[in-house]
């Protein structure tokens, strides 16, 4: 049975969603306060975390940001705030998904199961290509990516990444020197087709660049190839920018 911590201050909503997920073999712990959520999550070590945004003590966005470096599992924002800006901000903060409370329960259940499957598969074996299928650690200059320990080190410092961001970096690194388009990345990492509007890959790339000391204006490590996709540059990982 998978365990979920659901941070929701509306007791009626929390009870209804916990009961729905409970009927489908999930153990759900509901915590009503944002400022107590970290302690509860660390105590229960859930397989997935659901967060409302409007919470007493600490809002869900801040909680997501504070939780991500300490928790490797999926974090899903479940909210009534239908806002593109909030959606993008949630992904920037390290969330895996942003779901509206008006979403049909069956769809919510399907997306929760999808994130759990992806996280489980990633823990067993990160994505790889034929050329790198036997490699557990990839090295590029001062960058090393350890698939077994799920550790990224750059210039001797550990880089903290969410599960989704690690998978994206691994996929790009396994295809170093090759252009990867959004559709291929979405299909590989999330099992969905690109609809022309989904910006989650772009947001994750921006997050990776920031954490890997790449340039936001003129990226040289994870390059944008206009109208084609992204390219992981294998020779751009020395201590200083070329």
Foldseek 3Di string as FASTA:
>chain_A
DFEEEEAAQPVVLQVVLCVLVVVVPYHYHYHQALLCVVVVCVVVVGQEYEAEQDGPPHGPLVSLLVCQLVHQHAYEYEYQDPDPVVQLSSLLSPHPYYHYVPPPSVVVVVVVVLRSVLLVVQQVFADADPVCRPPQWDDFAQWIAGSNVRWIGAPRDTQRHHSLLSSLVRVQRRVAPDFDAPQNSCCVRRVDGDPVPDCSVVSSVLSVCVRLVADPVQGDQWDADPPTHTHGHRHQRHPDGD
